[in-house]
N, C-alpha and C. Protein backbone atom coordinates (compact mmCIF):
# COMPACT_ATOMS: atom_id res chain seq x y z
N UNK A 1 14.49 -2.79 -7.35
CA UNK A 1 13.76 -1.56 -7.14
C UNK A 1 13.44 -1.36 -5.66
N UNK A 2 13.13 -2.46 -4.99
CA UNK A 2 12.83 -2.38 -3.56
C UNK A 2 14.05 -1.89 -2.77
N UNK A 3 15.25 -2.35 -3.16
CA UNK A 3 16.47 -1.89 -2.49
C UNK A 3 16.63 -0.38 -2.64
N UNK A 4 16.38 0.12 -3.84
CA UNK A 4 16.47 1.55 -4.09
C UNK A 4 15.45 2.30 -3.25
N UNK A 5 14.25 1.80 -3.20
CA UNK A 5 13.19 2.42 -2.40
C UNK A 5 13.60 2.48 -0.93
N UNK A 6 14.09 1.37 -0.40
CA UNK A 6 14.54 1.33 0.99
C UNK A 6 15.70 2.28 1.24
N UNK A 7 16.69 2.25 0.34
CA UNK A 7 17.86 3.10 0.51
C UNK A 7 17.47 4.58 0.49
N UNK A 8 16.74 4.98 -0.54
CA UNK A 8 16.46 6.40 -0.72
C UNK A 8 15.52 6.94 0.35
N UNK A 9 14.70 6.09 0.94
CA UNK A 9 13.81 6.55 2.01
C UNK A 9 14.57 6.83 3.30
N UNK A 10 15.79 6.29 3.42
CA UNK A 10 16.60 6.49 4.62
C UNK A 10 17.79 7.39 4.40
N UNK A 11 18.12 7.68 3.15
CA UNK A 11 19.32 8.43 2.80
C UNK A 11 19.15 9.93 3.03
N UNK A 12 20.12 10.52 3.72
CA UNK A 12 20.10 11.96 3.98
C UNK A 12 21.12 12.72 3.15
N UNK A 13 21.92 12.02 2.38
CA UNK A 13 23.00 12.65 1.63
C UNK A 13 22.46 13.38 0.39
N UNK A 14 22.89 14.62 0.24
CA UNK A 14 22.50 15.38 -0.95
C UNK A 14 23.29 14.94 -2.17
N UNK A 15 24.44 14.31 -1.95
CA UNK A 15 25.32 13.88 -3.05
C UNK A 15 25.53 12.37 -3.03
N UNK A 16 24.50 11.64 -2.73
CA UNK A 16 24.59 10.19 -2.63
C UNK A 16 24.98 9.58 -3.98
N UNK A 17 25.86 8.58 -3.93
CA UNK A 17 26.31 7.92 -5.14
C UNK A 17 25.56 6.62 -5.42
N UNK A 18 24.61 6.25 -4.57
CA UNK A 18 23.82 5.05 -4.80
C UNK A 18 23.05 5.25 -6.10
N UNK A 19 23.08 4.27 -6.99
CA UNK A 19 22.43 4.45 -8.30
C UNK A 19 20.95 4.81 -8.19
N UNK A 20 20.59 5.92 -8.80
CA UNK A 20 19.22 6.42 -8.88
C UNK A 20 18.61 6.90 -7.57
N UNK A 21 19.43 7.04 -6.55
CA UNK A 21 18.93 7.52 -5.26
C UNK A 21 18.34 8.92 -5.40
N UNK A 22 19.06 9.81 -6.04
CA UNK A 22 18.57 11.19 -6.19
C UNK A 22 17.26 11.23 -6.96
N UNK A 23 17.14 10.37 -7.98
CA UNK A 23 15.91 10.35 -8.76
C UNK A 23 14.73 9.88 -7.90
N UNK A 24 14.96 8.84 -7.10
CA UNK A 24 13.89 8.34 -6.24
C UNK A 24 13.51 9.39 -5.20
N UNK A 25 14.49 10.07 -4.63
CA UNK A 25 14.18 11.13 -3.68
C UNK A 25 13.39 12.24 -4.37
N UNK A 26 13.70 12.49 -5.63
CA UNK A 26 12.94 13.48 -6.39
C UNK A 26 11.50 13.05 -6.58
N UNK A 27 11.28 11.75 -6.79
CA UNK A 27 9.91 11.25 -6.91
C UNK A 27 9.15 11.41 -5.59
N UNK A 28 9.82 11.10 -4.48
CA UNK A 28 9.20 11.29 -3.16
C UNK A 28 8.82 12.76 -2.96
N UNK A 29 9.76 13.63 -3.31
CA UNK A 29 9.55 15.07 -3.15
C UNK A 29 8.35 15.50 -4.00
N UNK A 30 8.31 15.06 -5.24
CA UNK A 30 7.21 15.40 -6.13
C UNK A 30 5.88 14.93 -5.54
N UNK A 31 5.83 13.67 -5.13
CA UNK A 31 4.58 13.08 -4.62
C UNK A 31 4.07 13.81 -3.38
N UNK A 32 4.99 14.34 -2.58
CA UNK A 32 4.60 15.06 -1.38
C UNK A 32 3.92 16.39 -1.70
N UNK A 33 4.34 17.01 -2.79
CA UNK A 33 3.89 18.36 -3.08
C UNK A 33 2.94 18.48 -4.27
N UNK A 34 2.68 17.41 -4.95
CA UNK A 34 1.86 17.45 -6.17
C UNK A 34 0.40 17.72 -5.84
N UNK A 35 -0.20 18.67 -6.53
CA UNK A 35 -1.62 18.98 -6.33
C UNK A 35 -2.50 18.15 -7.27
N UNK A 36 -1.96 17.73 -8.38
CA UNK A 36 -2.73 16.95 -9.34
C UNK A 36 -3.11 15.59 -8.78
N UNK A 37 -2.26 15.03 -7.93
CA UNK A 37 -2.51 13.69 -7.38
C UNK A 37 -3.85 13.59 -6.69
N UNK A 38 -4.30 14.71 -6.17
CA UNK A 38 -5.58 14.73 -5.47
C UNK A 38 -6.69 14.23 -6.40
N UNK A 39 -6.57 14.53 -7.66
CA UNK A 39 -7.58 14.14 -8.63
C UNK A 39 -7.20 12.87 -9.38
N UNK A 40 -6.06 12.28 -9.04
CA UNK A 40 -5.66 11.01 -9.64
C UNK A 40 -5.12 11.13 -11.04
N UNK A 41 -4.71 12.33 -11.46
CA UNK A 41 -4.28 12.51 -12.83
C UNK A 41 -2.79 12.59 -13.05
N UNK A 42 -1.99 12.42 -12.02
CA UNK A 42 -0.55 12.57 -12.17
C UNK A 42 0.12 11.22 -12.39
N UNK A 43 0.75 11.07 -13.53
CA UNK A 43 1.41 9.81 -13.89
C UNK A 43 2.58 9.53 -12.94
N UNK A 44 3.30 10.56 -12.57
CA UNK A 44 4.45 10.38 -11.66
C UNK A 44 3.97 9.87 -10.31
N UNK A 45 2.92 10.46 -9.77
CA UNK A 45 2.39 10.03 -8.48
C UNK A 45 1.88 8.59 -8.55
N UNK A 46 1.26 8.23 -9.66
CA UNK A 46 0.78 6.86 -9.82
C UNK A 46 1.93 5.87 -9.78
N UNK A 47 3.05 6.23 -10.39
CA UNK A 47 4.23 5.35 -10.38
C UNK A 47 4.78 5.22 -8.98
N UNK A 48 4.85 6.32 -8.26
CA UNK A 48 5.36 6.28 -6.88
C UNK A 48 4.46 5.39 -6.03
N UNK A 49 3.14 5.56 -6.14
CA UNK A 49 2.21 4.73 -5.36
C UNK A 49 2.34 3.26 -5.71
N UNK A 50 2.53 2.98 -6.99
CA UNK A 50 2.68 1.59 -7.41
C UNK A 50 3.91 0.97 -6.74
N UNK A 51 5.03 1.70 -6.74
CA UNK A 51 6.26 1.19 -6.11
C UNK A 51 6.05 0.98 -4.60
N UNK A 52 5.39 1.93 -3.96
CA UNK A 52 5.15 1.81 -2.52
C UNK A 52 4.23 0.63 -2.22
N UNK A 53 3.21 0.43 -3.05
CA UNK A 53 2.31 -0.70 -2.85
C UNK A 53 3.03 -2.03 -3.03
N UNK A 54 3.89 -2.12 -4.04
CA UNK A 54 4.68 -3.34 -4.23
C UNK A 54 5.55 -3.61 -3.01
N UNK A 55 6.20 -2.56 -2.53
CA UNK A 55 7.05 -2.70 -1.35
C UNK A 55 6.23 -3.15 -0.14
N UNK A 56 5.08 -2.51 0.08
CA UNK A 56 4.27 -2.78 1.27
C UNK A 56 3.78 -4.23 1.31
N UNK A 57 3.51 -4.81 0.14
CA UNK A 57 3.07 -6.21 0.10
C UNK A 57 4.12 -7.15 0.67
N UNK A 58 5.39 -6.82 0.43
CA UNK A 58 6.48 -7.70 0.86
C UNK A 58 7.06 -7.29 2.21
N UNK A 59 6.76 -6.08 2.66
CA UNK A 59 7.36 -5.55 3.89
C UNK A 59 6.72 -6.18 5.12
N UNK A 60 7.57 -6.65 6.03
CA UNK A 60 7.06 -7.22 7.28
C UNK A 60 7.58 -6.46 8.50
N UNK A 61 8.12 -5.28 8.27
CA UNK A 61 8.62 -4.45 9.38
C UNK A 61 7.45 -3.68 10.00
N UNK A 62 7.41 -3.65 11.31
CA UNK A 62 6.36 -2.88 11.97
C UNK A 62 6.65 -1.38 11.88
N UNK A 63 7.91 -1.02 11.86
CA UNK A 63 8.32 0.38 11.72
C UNK A 63 9.18 0.52 10.47
N UNK A 64 8.54 0.82 9.35
CA UNK A 64 9.24 0.92 8.07
C UNK A 64 9.45 2.40 7.72
N UNK A 65 10.63 2.72 7.18
CA UNK A 65 10.96 4.10 6.82
C UNK A 65 10.46 4.51 5.44
N UNK A 66 9.98 3.58 4.65
CA UNK A 66 9.48 3.93 3.33
C UNK A 66 8.22 4.77 3.51
N UNK A 67 8.19 5.94 2.86
CA UNK A 67 7.02 6.80 3.03
C UNK A 67 5.72 6.09 2.68
N UNK A 68 4.74 6.21 3.55
CA UNK A 68 3.39 5.69 3.39
C UNK A 68 3.28 4.17 3.41
N UNK A 69 4.36 3.46 3.65
CA UNK A 69 4.31 2.00 3.72
C UNK A 69 3.32 1.55 4.78
N UNK A 70 3.42 2.10 5.96
CA UNK A 70 2.52 1.68 7.04
C UNK A 70 1.07 2.02 6.72
N UNK A 71 0.84 3.14 6.01
CA UNK A 71 -0.52 3.50 5.61
C UNK A 71 -1.09 2.49 4.63
N UNK A 72 -0.27 2.07 3.67
CA UNK A 72 -0.71 1.09 2.67
C UNK A 72 -0.99 -0.25 3.34
N UNK A 73 -0.10 -0.66 4.26
CA UNK A 73 -0.32 -1.93 4.97
C UNK A 73 -1.60 -1.87 5.80
N UNK A 74 -1.85 -0.75 6.45
CA UNK A 74 -3.07 -0.60 7.26
C UNK A 74 -4.31 -0.64 6.36
N UNK A 75 -4.24 0.02 5.23
CA UNK A 75 -5.37 0.01 4.29
C UNK A 75 -5.64 -1.41 3.80
N UNK A 76 -4.60 -2.15 3.45
CA UNK A 76 -4.77 -3.53 3.00
C UNK A 76 -5.34 -4.40 4.12
N UNK A 77 -4.93 -4.16 5.36
CA UNK A 77 -5.43 -4.92 6.50
C UNK A 77 -6.93 -4.67 6.68
N UNK A 78 -7.35 -3.41 6.56
CA UNK A 78 -8.77 -3.08 6.69
C UNK A 78 -9.60 -3.72 5.58
N UNK A 79 -9.09 -3.66 4.35
CA UNK A 79 -9.79 -4.29 3.25
C UNK A 79 -9.95 -5.79 3.47
N UNK A 80 -8.90 -6.42 4.01
CA UNK A 80 -8.95 -7.85 4.28
C UNK A 80 -9.98 -8.15 5.37
N UNK A 81 -10.02 -7.31 6.39
CA UNK A 81 -11.01 -7.50 7.46
C UNK A 81 -12.43 -7.37 6.91
N UNK A 82 -12.65 -6.37 6.05
CA UNK A 82 -13.97 -6.20 5.45
C UNK A 82 -14.35 -7.41 4.61
N UNK A 83 -13.40 -7.89 3.84
CA UNK A 83 -13.64 -9.06 3.00
C UNK A 83 -13.97 -10.28 3.85
N UNK A 84 -13.22 -10.48 4.92
CA UNK A 84 -13.48 -11.60 5.83
C UNK A 84 -14.87 -11.47 6.47
N UNK A 85 -15.24 -10.26 6.87
CA UNK A 85 -16.55 -10.04 7.48
C UNK A 85 -17.65 -10.33 6.49
N UNK A 86 -17.47 -9.91 5.25
CA UNK A 86 -18.48 -10.15 4.21
C UNK A 86 -18.60 -11.65 3.92
N UNK A 87 -17.46 -12.34 3.91
CA UNK A 87 -17.50 -13.79 3.67
C UNK A 87 -18.22 -14.50 4.80
N UNK A 88 -17.94 -14.09 6.04
CA UNK A 88 -18.62 -14.71 7.18
C UNK A 88 -20.11 -14.43 7.14
N UNK A 89 -20.47 -13.20 6.80
CA UNK A 89 -21.89 -12.85 6.72
C UNK A 89 -22.57 -13.63 5.60
N UNK A 90 -21.90 -13.80 4.49
CA UNK A 90 -22.45 -14.56 3.38
C UNK A 90 -22.60 -16.02 3.70
N UNK A 91 -21.64 -16.59 4.39
CA UNK A 91 -21.73 -18.02 4.72
C UNK A 91 -22.77 -18.26 5.81
N UNK A 92 -22.96 -17.32 6.72
CA UNK A 92 -23.98 -17.52 7.75
C UNK A 92 -25.37 -17.38 7.15
N UNK A 93 -25.54 -16.50 6.14
CA UNK A 93 -26.83 -16.39 5.46
C UNK A 93 -27.17 -17.69 4.76
N UNK A 94 -26.20 -18.29 4.12
CA UNK A 94 -26.41 -19.55 3.42
C UNK A 94 -26.73 -20.67 4.37
N UNK A 95 -26.12 -20.67 5.53
CA UNK A 95 -26.38 -21.71 6.53
C UNK A 95 -27.80 -21.60 7.06
N UNK A 96 -28.30 -20.38 7.24
CA UNK A 96 -29.65 -20.18 7.73
C UNK A 96 -30.67 -20.77 6.76
N UNK A 97 -30.46 -20.55 5.48
CA UNK A 97 -31.35 -21.08 4.46
C UNK A 97 -31.30 -22.60 4.47
N UNK A 98 -30.08 -23.16 4.57
CA UNK A 98 -29.92 -24.61 4.56
C UNK A 98 -30.58 -25.23 5.79
N UNK A 99 -30.43 -24.61 6.95
CA UNK A 99 -31.04 -25.11 8.18
C UNK A 99 -32.56 -25.08 8.03
N UNK A 100 -33.11 -24.00 7.48
CA UNK A 100 -34.55 -23.87 7.29
C UNK A 100 -35.08 -24.93 6.33
N UNK A 101 -34.34 -25.21 5.26
CA UNK A 101 -34.74 -26.22 4.30
C UNK A 101 -34.73 -27.62 4.92
N UNK A 102 -33.74 -27.89 5.74
CA UNK A 102 -33.64 -29.20 6.39
C UNK A 102 -34.73 -29.38 7.46
N UNK A 103 -35.10 -28.29 8.09
CA UNK A 103 -36.12 -28.37 9.14
C UNK A 103 -37.53 -28.55 8.55
N UNK A 104 -37.73 -28.06 7.32
CA UNK A 104 -39.06 -28.02 6.74
C UNK A 104 -39.51 -29.29 6.16
């Protein structure tokens, strides 16, 4: 599926013979123009996002042609940073209590 995603995101041919390329391009086209996605109710858009998220987890290219791949990677990076900050804040709070208990 990842090969198809990569191929169709770069393919400019209207009559491409790559298996399912036209269908994937149709999904991209739909996701770009769908108004229902705004409210999270479009099953097609959810499938497209799922495929892009799967791709983005494995993608290590800094400049990827898959639509929204870089956005998904950036979002995941921010979430990871927030999680790391929360873990550091939580561990420093625990250390303060432990230091106070040892001092007392």
